[in-house]
Amino acid sequence: MSPLGSPSLFTIAGLITSNVFMTFAWYAHLKTLNHKPWRVAALLRRLIALFEYRLQVPAKRVGHAVMDVGELKILREFITLSVFLPFALFYLREPLKLDYLWAARCLLGAVFFVFRERPLGA
């Protein structure tokens, strides 16, 4: 049994949390460290990634008990876009593009097709 009761809930929570950290590791340096050498950004990114892996790996291991690898991957990609879009809009102040919304619909369709025979919470 996972710490949150449901393996699916634990997996989703872990993937969301790890993705928030990883999104900052991947992109925050574009705003906050753009005046520093790239090596500084790379080092900071690696430090954040170490913590992110401590969240992601257990989430995927618990999730693999109830999902196959393809389901985990599609879920991860959907979470990635769900975290990235608000980050890009509100933190990086990027403009919203209609293509982002189309991409989100495509990923939502992928989630539907991957999990249609077995609900995500089952």
N, C-alpha and C. Protein backbone atom coordinates (compact mmCIF):
# COMPACT_ATOMS: atom_id res chain seq x y z
N MET A 1 0.85 -1.19 0.00
CA MET A 1 0.00 0.00 0.00
C MET A 1 0.89 1.24 0.00
N SER A 2 0.51 2.22 -0.79
CA SER A 2 1.29 3.46 -0.88
C SER A 2 0.93 4.38 0.29
N PRO A 3 1.78 5.38 0.56
CA PRO A 3 1.50 6.31 1.66
C PRO A 3 0.19 7.08 1.51
N LEU A 4 -0.31 7.27 0.30
CA LEU A 4 -1.57 7.98 0.10
C LEU A 4 -2.75 7.04 -0.05
N GLY A 5 -2.56 5.75 0.20
CA GLY A 5 -3.64 4.79 0.10
C GLY A 5 -3.73 4.15 -1.27
N SER A 6 -4.10 4.91 -2.26
CA SER A 6 -4.24 4.40 -3.62
C SER A 6 -2.92 4.53 -4.38
N PRO A 7 -2.45 3.45 -4.99
CA PRO A 7 -1.22 3.56 -5.79
C PRO A 7 -1.35 4.58 -6.92
N SER A 8 -2.52 4.66 -7.54
CA SER A 8 -2.72 5.64 -8.61
C SER A 8 -2.63 7.06 -8.09
N LEU A 9 -3.25 7.32 -6.94
CA LEU A 9 -3.20 8.66 -6.35
C LEU A 9 -1.77 9.03 -5.95
N PHE A 10 -1.06 8.09 -5.36
CA PHE A 10 0.34 8.32 -4.99
C PHE A 10 1.18 8.63 -6.22
N THR A 11 0.96 7.87 -7.30
CA THR A 11 1.70 8.07 -8.53
C THR A 11 1.42 9.44 -9.13
N ILE A 12 0.16 9.80 -9.22
CA ILE A 12 -0.21 11.10 -9.78
C ILE A 12 0.37 12.23 -8.94
N ALA A 13 0.22 12.16 -7.63
CA ALA A 13 0.76 13.21 -6.75
C ALA A 13 2.28 13.31 -6.87
N GLY A 14 2.95 12.17 -6.91
CA GLY A 14 4.40 12.16 -7.04
C GLY A 14 4.87 12.71 -8.37
N LEU A 15 4.17 12.36 -9.45
CA LEU A 15 4.55 12.86 -10.77
C LEU A 15 4.28 14.35 -10.91
N ILE A 16 3.20 14.84 -10.33
CA ILE A 16 2.92 16.28 -10.37
C ILE A 16 3.99 17.04 -9.59
N THR A 17 4.28 16.58 -8.38
CA THR A 17 5.28 17.26 -7.55
C THR A 17 6.65 17.23 -8.20
N SER A 18 7.05 16.08 -8.69
CA SER A 18 8.37 15.98 -9.33
C SER A 18 8.42 16.84 -10.58
N ASN A 19 7.32 16.93 -11.31
CA ASN A 19 7.31 17.72 -12.53
C ASN A 19 7.40 19.21 -12.25
N VAL A 20 6.82 19.66 -11.15
CA VAL A 20 6.97 21.08 -10.77
C VAL A 20 8.45 21.38 -10.55
N PHE A 21 9.13 20.53 -9.81
CA PHE A 21 10.57 20.74 -9.57
C PHE A 21 11.35 20.68 -10.88
N MET A 22 11.03 19.71 -11.72
CA MET A 22 11.80 19.55 -12.96
C MET A 22 11.53 20.70 -13.93
N THR A 23 10.32 21.21 -13.96
CA THR A 23 10.03 22.35 -14.82
C THR A 23 10.87 23.56 -14.40
N PHE A 24 10.98 23.77 -13.09
CA PHE A 24 11.85 24.85 -12.62
C PHE A 24 13.31 24.56 -12.98
N ALA A 25 13.73 23.32 -12.86
CA ALA A 25 15.12 22.97 -13.20
C ALA A 25 15.38 23.21 -14.69
N TRP A 26 14.42 22.88 -15.53
CA TRP A 26 14.62 23.00 -16.98
C TRP A 26 14.53 24.43 -17.48
N TYR A 27 13.60 25.23 -16.91
CA TYR A 27 13.28 26.50 -17.54
C TYR A 27 13.45 27.76 -16.69
N ALA A 28 13.46 27.66 -15.38
CA ALA A 28 13.52 28.87 -14.54
C ALA A 28 14.80 29.67 -14.77
N HIS A 29 15.88 28.99 -15.12
CA HIS A 29 17.15 29.70 -15.34
C HIS A 29 17.05 30.67 -16.51
N LEU A 30 16.10 30.46 -17.43
CA LEU A 30 15.94 31.39 -18.55
C LEU A 30 15.52 32.77 -18.07
N LYS A 31 14.84 32.82 -16.94
CA LYS A 31 14.39 34.11 -16.39
C LYS A 31 15.34 34.60 -15.29
N THR A 32 15.74 33.69 -14.41
CA THR A 32 16.46 34.13 -13.20
C THR A 32 17.97 34.11 -13.33
N LEU A 33 18.52 33.30 -14.20
CA LEU A 33 19.98 33.20 -14.32
C LEU A 33 20.49 33.55 -15.71
N ASN A 34 19.70 34.28 -16.48
CA ASN A 34 20.11 34.56 -17.86
C ASN A 34 21.34 35.46 -17.95
N HIS A 35 21.73 36.11 -16.86
CA HIS A 35 22.92 36.95 -16.84
C HIS A 35 24.16 36.19 -16.33
N LYS A 36 23.96 34.95 -15.91
CA LYS A 36 25.06 34.13 -15.40
C LYS A 36 25.57 33.19 -16.49
N PRO A 37 26.79 32.69 -16.34
CA PRO A 37 27.29 31.70 -17.31
C PRO A 37 26.41 30.45 -17.30
N TRP A 38 26.33 29.77 -18.44
CA TRP A 38 25.47 28.60 -18.54
C TRP A 38 25.87 27.51 -17.57
N ARG A 39 27.13 27.45 -17.17
CA ARG A 39 27.58 26.42 -16.23
C ARG A 39 26.90 26.55 -14.86
N VAL A 40 26.64 27.78 -14.46
CA VAL A 40 25.93 28.01 -13.19
C VAL A 40 24.52 27.44 -13.28
N ALA A 41 23.85 27.73 -14.38
CA ALA A 41 22.49 27.21 -14.58
C ALA A 41 22.50 25.69 -14.63
N ALA A 42 23.49 25.12 -15.30
CA ALA A 42 23.57 23.66 -15.41
C ALA A 42 23.78 23.01 -14.05
N LEU A 43 24.63 23.59 -13.22
CA LEU A 43 24.88 23.05 -11.89
C LEU A 43 23.62 23.14 -11.02
N LEU A 44 22.97 24.28 -11.05
CA LEU A 44 21.75 24.44 -10.27
C LEU A 44 20.67 23.48 -10.74
N ARG A 45 20.57 23.31 -12.05
CA ARG A 45 19.60 22.36 -12.61
C ARG A 45 19.85 20.95 -12.09
N ARG A 46 21.10 20.54 -12.03
CA ARG A 46 21.43 19.20 -11.55
C ARG A 46 21.08 19.02 -10.08
N LEU A 47 21.28 20.06 -9.28
CA LEU A 47 20.93 19.97 -7.86
C LEU A 47 19.42 19.81 -7.68
N ILE A 48 18.65 20.56 -8.46
CA ILE A 48 17.19 20.42 -8.39
C ILE A 48 16.77 19.03 -8.89
N ALA A 49 17.41 18.56 -9.93
CA ALA A 49 17.07 17.25 -10.51
C ALA A 49 17.30 16.12 -9.52
N LEU A 50 18.33 16.23 -8.68
CA LEU A 50 18.56 15.18 -7.68
C LEU A 50 17.35 15.02 -6.76
N PHE A 51 16.78 16.15 -6.35
CA PHE A 51 15.59 16.09 -5.49
C PHE A 51 14.39 15.58 -6.30
N GLU A 52 14.28 16.03 -7.53
CA GLU A 52 13.16 15.62 -8.37
C GLU A 52 13.15 14.11 -8.58
N TYR A 53 14.32 13.52 -8.78
CA TYR A 53 14.40 12.07 -8.97
C TYR A 53 13.95 11.31 -7.72
N ARG A 54 14.17 11.89 -6.56
CA ARG A 54 13.73 11.24 -5.31
C ARG A 54 12.21 11.19 -5.22
N LEU A 55 11.53 12.02 -5.98
CA LEU A 55 10.06 11.99 -6.04
C LEU A 55 9.56 11.13 -7.20
N GLN A 56 10.20 11.29 -8.35
CA GLN A 56 9.74 10.63 -9.57
C GLN A 56 9.91 9.11 -9.53
N VAL A 57 11.06 8.64 -9.08
CA VAL A 57 11.34 7.21 -9.11
C VAL A 57 10.35 6.42 -8.25
N PRO A 58 10.12 6.82 -6.98
CA PRO A 58 9.11 6.07 -6.20
C PRO A 58 7.71 6.16 -6.80
N ALA A 59 7.36 7.32 -7.37
CA ALA A 59 6.03 7.46 -7.98
C ALA A 59 5.88 6.48 -9.14
N LYS A 60 6.90 6.36 -9.96
CA LYS A 60 6.82 5.43 -11.10
C LYS A 60 6.84 3.97 -10.65
N ARG A 61 7.61 3.68 -9.62
CA ARG A 61 7.65 2.29 -9.12
C ARG A 61 6.30 1.86 -8.55
N VAL A 62 5.69 2.74 -7.76
CA VAL A 62 4.37 2.43 -7.20
C VAL A 62 3.34 2.36 -8.33
N GLY A 63 3.43 3.29 -9.27
CA GLY A 63 2.49 3.31 -10.38
C GLY A 63 2.59 2.08 -11.27
N HIS A 64 3.80 1.55 -11.40
CA HIS A 64 3.99 0.38 -12.26
C HIS A 64 3.28 -0.85 -11.70
N ALA A 65 2.94 -0.82 -10.44
CA ALA A 65 2.19 -1.94 -9.85
C ALA A 65 0.75 -1.97 -10.36
N VAL A 66 0.23 -0.80 -10.81
CA VAL A 66 -1.16 -0.74 -11.27
C VAL A 66 -1.30 -0.26 -12.72
N MET A 67 -0.19 0.17 -13.34
CA MET A 67 -0.22 0.66 -14.72
C MET A 67 0.94 0.05 -15.49
N ASP A 68 0.76 -0.06 -16.79
CA ASP A 68 1.91 -0.50 -17.58
C ASP A 68 2.76 0.72 -17.95
N VAL A 69 3.90 0.48 -18.57
CA VAL A 69 4.85 1.55 -18.85
C VAL A 69 4.26 2.59 -19.82
N GLY A 70 3.51 2.14 -20.79
CA GLY A 70 2.88 3.07 -21.72
C GLY A 70 1.91 4.01 -21.02
N GLU A 71 1.12 3.47 -20.11
CA GLU A 71 0.19 4.30 -19.34
C GLU A 71 0.95 5.32 -18.49
N LEU A 72 2.02 4.87 -17.85
CA LEU A 72 2.83 5.79 -17.04
C LEU A 72 3.41 6.91 -17.90
N LYS A 73 3.88 6.58 -19.09
CA LYS A 73 4.49 7.58 -19.97
C LYS A 73 3.47 8.61 -20.44
N ILE A 74 2.30 8.16 -20.87
CA ILE A 74 1.26 9.09 -21.32
C ILE A 74 0.81 9.97 -20.16
N LEU A 75 0.64 9.37 -18.98
CA LEU A 75 0.26 10.14 -17.80
C LEU A 75 1.31 11.19 -17.49
N ARG A 76 2.58 10.81 -17.56
CA ARG A 76 3.68 11.75 -17.30
C ARG A 76 3.67 12.90 -18.30
N GLU A 77 3.45 12.62 -19.57
CA GLU A 77 3.43 13.68 -20.58
C GLU A 77 2.25 14.62 -20.38
N PHE A 78 1.10 14.08 -20.01
CA PHE A 78 -0.06 14.92 -19.74
C PHE A 78 0.22 15.83 -18.54
N ILE A 79 0.80 15.27 -17.50
CA ILE A 79 1.15 16.07 -16.32
C ILE A 79 2.19 17.12 -16.68
N THR A 80 3.16 16.75 -17.52
CA THR A 80 4.20 17.70 -17.93
C THR A 80 3.58 18.93 -18.58
N LEU A 81 2.67 18.73 -19.52
CA LEU A 81 2.04 19.87 -20.18
C LEU A 81 1.14 20.63 -19.22
N SER A 82 0.46 19.92 -18.33
CA SER A 82 -0.42 20.57 -17.36
C SER A 82 0.36 21.45 -16.39
N VAL A 83 1.58 21.08 -16.09
CA VAL A 83 2.44 21.89 -15.21
C VAL A 83 3.12 22.99 -16.02
N PHE A 84 3.58 22.64 -17.22
CA PHE A 84 4.36 23.60 -18.01
C PHE A 84 3.54 24.80 -18.47
N LEU A 85 2.32 24.58 -18.89
CA LEU A 85 1.53 25.68 -19.43
C LEU A 85 1.34 26.81 -18.42
N PRO A 86 0.87 26.56 -17.21
CA PRO A 86 0.78 27.66 -16.24
C PRO A 86 2.14 28.27 -15.90
N PHE A 87 3.18 27.43 -15.85
CA PHE A 87 4.53 27.92 -15.58
C PHE A 87 4.96 28.91 -16.66
N ALA A 88 4.76 28.54 -17.91
CA ALA A 88 5.16 29.41 -19.03
C ALA A 88 4.35 30.70 -19.03
N LEU A 89 3.07 30.60 -18.75
CA LEU A 89 2.21 31.79 -18.78
C LEU A 89 2.47 32.73 -17.61
N PHE A 90 2.53 32.18 -16.40
CA PHE A 90 2.57 33.03 -15.21
C PHE A 90 3.98 33.32 -14.70
N TYR A 91 4.89 32.38 -14.83
CA TYR A 91 6.25 32.60 -14.32
C TYR A 91 7.15 33.23 -15.39
N LEU A 92 7.13 32.66 -16.59
CA LEU A 92 7.98 33.18 -17.67
C LEU A 92 7.30 34.28 -18.46
N ARG A 93 5.99 34.49 -18.23
CA ARG A 93 5.23 35.54 -18.92
C ARG A 93 5.22 35.35 -20.45
N GLU A 94 5.15 34.09 -20.86
CA GLU A 94 5.05 33.78 -22.29
C GLU A 94 3.59 33.98 -22.73
N PRO A 95 3.38 34.38 -23.96
CA PRO A 95 1.99 34.53 -24.43
C PRO A 95 1.34 33.16 -24.66
N LEU A 96 0.05 33.11 -24.44
CA LEU A 96 -0.72 31.88 -24.70
C LEU A 96 -0.91 31.74 -26.20
N LYS A 97 -0.59 30.58 -26.71
CA LYS A 97 -0.77 30.30 -28.13
C LYS A 97 -1.85 29.24 -28.29
N LEU A 98 -2.64 29.39 -29.30
CA LEU A 98 -3.70 28.43 -29.56
C LEU A 98 -3.13 27.02 -29.75
N ASP A 99 -1.93 26.92 -30.29
CA ASP A 99 -1.30 25.60 -30.49
C ASP A 99 -1.09 24.87 -29.17
N TYR A 100 -0.84 25.60 -28.08
CA TYR A 100 -0.70 24.96 -26.76
C TYR A 100 -1.99 24.26 -26.38
N LEU A 101 -3.11 24.91 -26.64
CA LEU A 101 -4.40 24.31 -26.30
C LEU A 101 -4.70 23.10 -27.18
N TRP A 102 -4.34 23.18 -28.47
CA TRP A 102 -4.52 22.02 -29.35
C TRP A 102 -3.64 20.85 -28.88
N ALA A 103 -2.42 21.16 -28.49
CA ALA A 103 -1.53 20.11 -27.98
C ALA A 103 -2.12 19.48 -26.72
N ALA A 104 -2.69 20.31 -25.85
CA ALA A 104 -3.30 19.79 -24.62
C ALA A 104 -4.47 18.87 -24.96
N ARG A 105 -5.26 19.23 -25.95
CA ARG A 105 -6.38 18.37 -26.36
C ARG A 105 -5.87 17.04 -26.90
N CYS A 106 -4.78 17.08 -27.65
CA CYS A 106 -4.20 15.84 -28.18
C CYS A 106 -3.73 14.93 -27.04
N LEU A 107 -3.07 15.52 -26.05
CA LEU A 107 -2.61 14.72 -24.91
C LEU A 107 -3.79 14.20 -24.10
N LEU A 108 -4.81 14.99 -23.95
CA LEU A 108 -6.01 14.52 -23.25
C LEU A 108 -6.62 13.34 -24.00
N GLY A 109 -6.61 13.42 -25.33
CA GLY A 109 -7.07 12.28 -26.13
C GLY A 109 -6.20 11.05 -25.91
N ALA A 110 -4.89 11.25 -25.82
CA ALA A 110 -3.98 10.13 -25.56
C ALA A 110 -4.29 9.49 -24.21
N VAL A 111 -4.54 10.31 -23.21
CA VAL A 111 -4.90 9.77 -21.88
C VAL A 111 -6.20 8.98 -21.99
N PHE A 112 -7.17 9.51 -22.70
CA PHE A 112 -8.44 8.80 -22.87
C PHE A 112 -8.23 7.42 -23.49
N PHE A 113 -7.49 7.38 -24.60
CA PHE A 113 -7.32 6.11 -25.31
C PHE A 113 -6.50 5.10 -24.50
N VAL A 114 -5.52 5.57 -23.76
CA VAL A 114 -4.68 4.65 -22.98
C VAL A 114 -5.45 4.08 -21.79
N PHE A 115 -6.32 4.89 -21.18
CA PHE A 115 -7.00 4.44 -19.97
C PHE A 115 -8.48 4.11 -20.18
N ARG A 116 -8.98 4.06 -21.41
CA ARG A 116 -10.41 3.88 -21.62
C ARG A 116 -10.94 2.53 -21.16
N GLU A 117 -10.12 1.49 -21.19
CA GLU A 117 -10.60 0.18 -20.75
C GLU A 117 -10.49 -0.02 -19.26
N ARG A 118 -9.65 0.78 -18.63
CA ARG A 118 -9.44 0.66 -17.19
C ARG A 118 -9.35 2.08 -16.64
N PRO A 119 -10.31 2.47 -15.80
CA PRO A 119 -10.25 3.83 -15.24
C PRO A 119 -8.94 4.06 -14.48
N LEU A 120 -8.48 5.31 -14.49
CA LEU A 120 -7.22 5.67 -13.87
C LEU A 120 -7.16 5.33 -12.38
N GLY A 121 -8.26 5.51 -11.68
CA GLY A 121 -8.28 5.26 -10.24
C GLY A 121 -8.44 3.79 -9.87
N ALA A 122 -8.66 2.93 -10.86
CA ALA A 122 -8.91 1.51 -10.55
C ALA A 122 -7.66 0.76 -10.24
